[in-house]
Amino acid sequence: MGTLYTQAVRKDEEIYGEAIDNFFEKVLRLAKKHNIKEQDIIEGLKVLELKRKNNLFRNNGDIHDEQMAGMGKEIQSISTALENIAEAINNK
């Protein structure tokens, strides 16, 4: 389950010279390997990034659902405790 309290800070993805060079070298290598245009490789990478983004969105939704379920159980526990206290007071 995802954390509610101590969430680690996420790092931003930094793009710099070497990363850019590596990206375009990879695109050129894949285009040559598959005998297609570089733009087609880039479009394919966009599709893969969308799939990754959808997975992250789904995973985040699952975590949110688990957190809400956990909070619901805690609220139910508090409600039950309050009902028991009220009943004990009324029975005195």
N, C-alpha and C. Protein backbone atom coordinates (compact mmCIF):
# COMPACT_ATOMS: atom_id res chain seq x y z
N MET A 1 0.84 -1.18 0.00
CA MET A 1 0.00 0.00 0.00
C MET A 1 0.89 1.24 0.00
N GLY A 2 0.46 2.28 -0.66
CA GLY A 2 1.20 3.53 -0.69
C GLY A 2 1.22 4.18 0.68
N THR A 3 2.16 5.04 0.89
CA THR A 3 2.31 5.69 2.18
C THR A 3 1.43 6.93 2.28
N LEU A 4 0.97 7.21 3.47
CA LEU A 4 0.17 8.41 3.70
C LEU A 4 0.99 9.53 4.36
N TYR A 5 2.03 9.17 5.07
CA TYR A 5 2.72 10.17 5.88
C TYR A 5 4.11 10.53 5.38
N THR A 6 4.99 9.57 5.25
CA THR A 6 6.37 9.88 4.91
C THR A 6 6.64 9.50 3.46
N GLN A 7 6.26 10.37 2.58
CA GLN A 7 6.44 10.13 1.15
C GLN A 7 7.78 10.71 0.72
N ALA A 8 8.60 9.89 0.11
CA ALA A 8 9.89 10.36 -0.39
C ALA A 8 9.67 11.36 -1.52
N VAL A 9 10.54 12.35 -1.60
CA VAL A 9 10.46 13.35 -2.66
C VAL A 9 10.88 12.68 -3.97
N ARG A 10 10.11 12.91 -5.00
CA ARG A 10 10.44 12.34 -6.31
C ARG A 10 11.40 13.27 -7.03
N LYS A 11 12.34 12.66 -7.73
CA LYS A 11 13.31 13.44 -8.49
C LYS A 11 12.75 13.79 -9.86
N ASP A 12 13.06 14.99 -10.33
CA ASP A 12 12.71 15.37 -11.69
C ASP A 12 13.69 14.70 -12.65
N GLU A 13 13.21 14.38 -13.82
CA GLU A 13 14.07 13.82 -14.86
C GLU A 13 14.81 14.98 -15.52
N GLU A 14 16.12 14.97 -15.38
CA GLU A 14 16.91 16.04 -15.98
C GLU A 14 17.42 15.60 -17.34
N ILE A 15 17.25 16.45 -18.31
CA ILE A 15 17.73 16.17 -19.66
C ILE A 15 18.93 17.07 -19.92
N TYR A 16 20.03 16.46 -20.23
CA TYR A 16 21.27 17.19 -20.49
C TYR A 16 21.95 16.59 -21.71
N GLY A 17 23.05 17.17 -22.09
CA GLY A 17 23.74 16.82 -23.32
C GLY A 17 23.91 15.33 -23.58
N GLU A 18 24.46 14.61 -22.62
CA GLU A 18 24.72 13.18 -22.81
C GLU A 18 23.43 12.39 -22.99
N ALA A 19 22.40 12.74 -22.23
CA ALA A 19 21.11 12.04 -22.36
C ALA A 19 20.50 12.29 -23.73
N ILE A 20 20.64 13.51 -24.22
CA ILE A 20 20.11 13.84 -25.55
C ILE A 20 20.87 13.07 -26.61
N ASP A 21 22.18 13.05 -26.51
CA ASP A 21 22.99 12.29 -27.47
C ASP A 21 22.61 10.82 -27.45
N ASN A 22 22.47 10.25 -26.25
CA ASN A 22 22.11 8.83 -26.13
C ASN A 22 20.75 8.55 -26.76
N PHE A 23 19.81 9.46 -26.56
CA PHE A 23 18.48 9.28 -27.12
C PHE A 23 18.54 9.22 -28.65
N PHE A 24 19.21 10.20 -29.25
CA PHE A 24 19.25 10.24 -30.72
C PHE A 24 20.10 9.11 -31.31
N GLU A 25 21.13 8.70 -30.60
CA GLU A 25 21.91 7.54 -31.05
C GLU A 25 21.03 6.30 -31.05
N LYS A 26 20.23 6.17 -30.01
CA LYS A 26 19.32 5.02 -29.92
C LYS A 26 18.29 5.07 -31.05
N VAL A 27 17.73 6.25 -31.30
CA VAL A 27 16.75 6.39 -32.38
C VAL A 27 17.38 6.02 -33.72
N LEU A 28 18.57 6.53 -33.99
CA LEU A 28 19.23 6.23 -35.26
C LEU A 28 19.55 4.74 -35.38
N ARG A 29 20.01 4.14 -34.28
CA ARG A 29 20.34 2.71 -34.29
C ARG A 29 19.09 1.87 -34.55
N LEU A 30 17.97 2.21 -33.89
CA LEU A 30 16.73 1.46 -34.08
C LEU A 30 16.16 1.65 -35.49
N ALA A 31 16.25 2.86 -36.00
CA ALA A 31 15.76 3.12 -37.36
C ALA A 31 16.53 2.28 -38.37
N LYS A 32 17.82 2.23 -38.18
CA LYS A 32 18.66 1.44 -39.09
C LYS A 32 18.35 -0.05 -38.93
N LYS A 33 18.24 -0.50 -37.70
CA LYS A 33 17.97 -1.92 -37.42
C LYS A 33 16.66 -2.37 -38.06
N HIS A 34 15.62 -1.53 -37.96
CA HIS A 34 14.30 -1.91 -38.45
C HIS A 34 13.99 -1.36 -39.84
N ASN A 35 14.96 -0.67 -40.40
CA ASN A 35 14.85 -0.11 -41.75
C ASN A 35 13.59 0.76 -41.90
N ILE A 36 13.42 1.66 -40.92
CA ILE A 36 12.31 2.60 -40.97
C ILE A 36 12.84 4.00 -40.65
N LYS A 37 11.99 4.99 -40.84
CA LYS A 37 12.39 6.37 -40.60
C LYS A 37 12.56 6.65 -39.11
N GLU A 38 13.45 7.58 -38.81
CA GLU A 38 13.69 7.98 -37.43
C GLU A 38 12.40 8.49 -36.79
N GLN A 39 11.59 9.24 -37.57
CA GLN A 39 10.34 9.76 -37.04
C GLN A 39 9.40 8.64 -36.60
N ASP A 40 9.43 7.51 -37.31
CA ASP A 40 8.60 6.37 -36.93
C ASP A 40 9.06 5.79 -35.59
N ILE A 41 10.36 5.78 -35.36
CA ILE A 41 10.89 5.31 -34.07
C ILE A 41 10.42 6.24 -32.97
N ILE A 42 10.52 7.54 -33.21
CA ILE A 42 10.10 8.52 -32.20
C ILE A 42 8.61 8.37 -31.90
N GLU A 43 7.80 8.16 -32.93
CA GLU A 43 6.35 7.96 -32.72
C GLU A 43 6.11 6.68 -31.91
N GLY A 44 6.87 5.64 -32.21
CA GLY A 44 6.74 4.40 -31.44
C GLY A 44 7.12 4.61 -29.98
N LEU A 45 8.16 5.40 -29.74
CA LEU A 45 8.56 5.69 -28.37
C LEU A 45 7.48 6.50 -27.65
N LYS A 46 6.80 7.37 -28.38
CA LYS A 46 5.69 8.12 -27.78
C LYS A 46 4.58 7.17 -27.33
N VAL A 47 4.29 6.18 -28.16
CA VAL A 47 3.25 5.20 -27.81
C VAL A 47 3.66 4.44 -26.55
N LEU A 48 4.93 4.03 -26.49
CA LEU A 48 5.41 3.31 -25.31
C LEU A 48 5.34 4.20 -24.06
N GLU A 49 5.63 5.48 -24.22
CA GLU A 49 5.54 6.41 -23.09
C GLU A 49 4.10 6.57 -22.63
N LEU A 50 3.16 6.59 -23.57
CA LEU A 50 1.75 6.65 -23.19
C LEU A 50 1.32 5.40 -22.42
N LYS A 51 1.83 4.24 -22.85
CA LYS A 51 1.53 3.00 -22.13
C LYS A 51 2.08 3.06 -20.71
N ARG A 52 3.31 3.58 -20.57
CA ARG A 52 3.93 3.70 -19.25
C ARG A 52 3.10 4.66 -18.39
N LYS A 53 2.68 5.77 -18.98
CA LYS A 53 1.89 6.76 -18.25
C LYS A 53 0.56 6.15 -17.79
N ASN A 54 -0.08 5.37 -18.65
CA ASN A 54 -1.32 4.69 -18.27
C ASN A 54 -1.10 3.73 -17.12
N ASN A 55 0.02 2.99 -17.15
CA ASN A 55 0.34 2.07 -16.06
C ASN A 55 0.53 2.82 -14.75
N LEU A 56 1.24 3.96 -14.81
CA LEU A 56 1.44 4.76 -13.61
C LEU A 56 0.10 5.28 -13.07
N PHE A 57 -0.75 5.73 -13.97
CA PHE A 57 -2.07 6.24 -13.58
C PHE A 57 -2.89 5.13 -12.92
N ARG A 58 -2.87 3.94 -13.50
CA ARG A 58 -3.61 2.80 -12.95
C ARG A 58 -3.04 2.41 -11.58
N ASN A 59 -1.71 2.35 -11.49
CA ASN A 59 -1.08 1.98 -10.22
C ASN A 59 -1.40 3.00 -9.14
N ASN A 60 -1.38 4.28 -9.50
CA ASN A 60 -1.72 5.32 -8.54
C ASN A 60 -3.16 5.18 -8.09
N GLY A 61 -4.05 4.84 -9.01
CA GLY A 61 -5.45 4.61 -8.65
C GLY A 61 -5.60 3.45 -7.69
N ASP A 62 -4.83 2.38 -7.94
CA ASP A 62 -4.88 1.22 -7.03
C ASP A 62 -4.41 1.62 -5.63
N ILE A 63 -3.34 2.39 -5.57
CA ILE A 63 -2.82 2.84 -4.27
C ILE A 63 -3.85 3.71 -3.58
N HIS A 64 -4.46 4.62 -4.34
CA HIS A 64 -5.49 5.50 -3.76
C HIS A 64 -6.65 4.67 -3.21
N ASP A 65 -7.07 3.67 -3.96
CA ASP A 65 -8.16 2.81 -3.50
C ASP A 65 -7.80 2.11 -2.19
N GLU A 66 -6.56 1.61 -2.10
CA GLU A 66 -6.11 0.93 -0.89
C GLU A 66 -6.07 1.90 0.29
N GLN A 67 -5.57 3.11 0.02
CA GLN A 67 -5.52 4.10 1.09
C GLN A 67 -6.92 4.45 1.59
N MET A 68 -7.84 4.64 0.66
CA MET A 68 -9.21 4.96 1.05
C MET A 68 -9.84 3.82 1.83
N ALA A 69 -9.57 2.59 1.42
CA ALA A 69 -10.10 1.43 2.14
C ALA A 69 -9.54 1.41 3.56
N GLY A 70 -8.24 1.69 3.70
CA GLY A 70 -7.62 1.72 5.02
C GLY A 70 -8.21 2.81 5.89
N MET A 71 -8.43 3.98 5.29
CA MET A 71 -9.04 5.08 6.05
C MET A 71 -10.47 4.73 6.43
N GLY A 72 -11.19 4.08 5.52
CA GLY A 72 -12.56 3.66 5.83
C GLY A 72 -12.60 2.71 7.01
N LYS A 73 -11.65 1.77 7.07
CA LYS A 73 -11.59 0.84 8.20
C LYS A 73 -11.32 1.58 9.50
N GLU A 74 -10.41 2.56 9.44
CA GLU A 74 -10.10 3.34 10.64
C GLU A 74 -11.32 4.14 11.09
N ILE A 75 -12.02 4.76 10.16
CA ILE A 75 -13.22 5.54 10.50
C ILE A 75 -14.29 4.62 11.09
N GLN A 76 -14.43 3.42 10.52
CA GLN A 76 -15.41 2.46 11.05
C GLN A 76 -15.03 2.06 12.47
N SER A 77 -13.75 1.87 12.72
CA SER A 77 -13.27 1.51 14.06
C SER A 77 -13.56 2.63 15.06
N ILE A 78 -13.31 3.86 14.65
CA ILE A 78 -13.60 5.01 15.51
C ILE A 78 -15.10 5.12 15.77
N SER A 79 -15.89 4.92 14.74
CA SER A 79 -17.35 4.98 14.87
C SER A 79 -17.84 3.92 15.85
N THR A 80 -17.33 2.72 15.72
CA THR A 80 -17.73 1.64 16.63
C THR A 80 -17.34 1.97 18.06
N ALA A 81 -16.14 2.50 18.24
CA ALA A 81 -15.69 2.87 19.59
C ALA A 81 -16.58 3.95 20.18
N LEU A 82 -16.93 4.95 19.38
CA LEU A 82 -17.81 6.01 19.86
C LEU A 82 -19.20 5.48 20.21
N GLU A 83 -19.70 4.57 19.39
CA GLU A 83 -21.01 3.95 19.69
C GLU A 83 -20.95 3.18 21.00
N ASN A 84 -19.85 2.46 21.23
CA ASN A 84 -19.70 1.70 22.48
C ASN A 84 -19.63 2.64 23.68
N ILE A 85 -18.91 3.75 23.53
CA ILE A 85 -18.81 4.73 24.61
C ILE A 85 -20.19 5.32 24.89
N ALA A 86 -20.91 5.70 23.83
CA ALA A 86 -22.25 6.28 24.01
C ALA A 86 -23.19 5.28 24.68
N GLU A 87 -23.10 4.02 24.28
CA GLU A 87 -23.95 2.99 24.88
C GLU A 87 -23.61 2.80 26.35
N ALA A 88 -22.31 2.82 26.66
CA ALA A 88 -21.90 2.66 28.06
C ALA A 88 -22.39 3.82 28.90
N ILE A 89 -22.35 5.03 28.36
CA ILE A 89 -22.82 6.20 29.09
C ILE A 89 -24.34 6.12 29.29
N ASN A 90 -25.05 5.71 28.27
CA ASN A 90 -26.51 5.62 28.36
C ASN A 90 -26.97 4.53 29.31
N ASN A 91 -26.17 3.49 29.50
CA ASN A 91 -26.54 2.37 30.38
C ASN A 91 -26.20 2.64 31.82
N LYS A 92 -25.56 3.74 32.15
CA LYS A 92 -25.22 4.06 33.54
C LYS A 92 -26.38 4.60 34.30
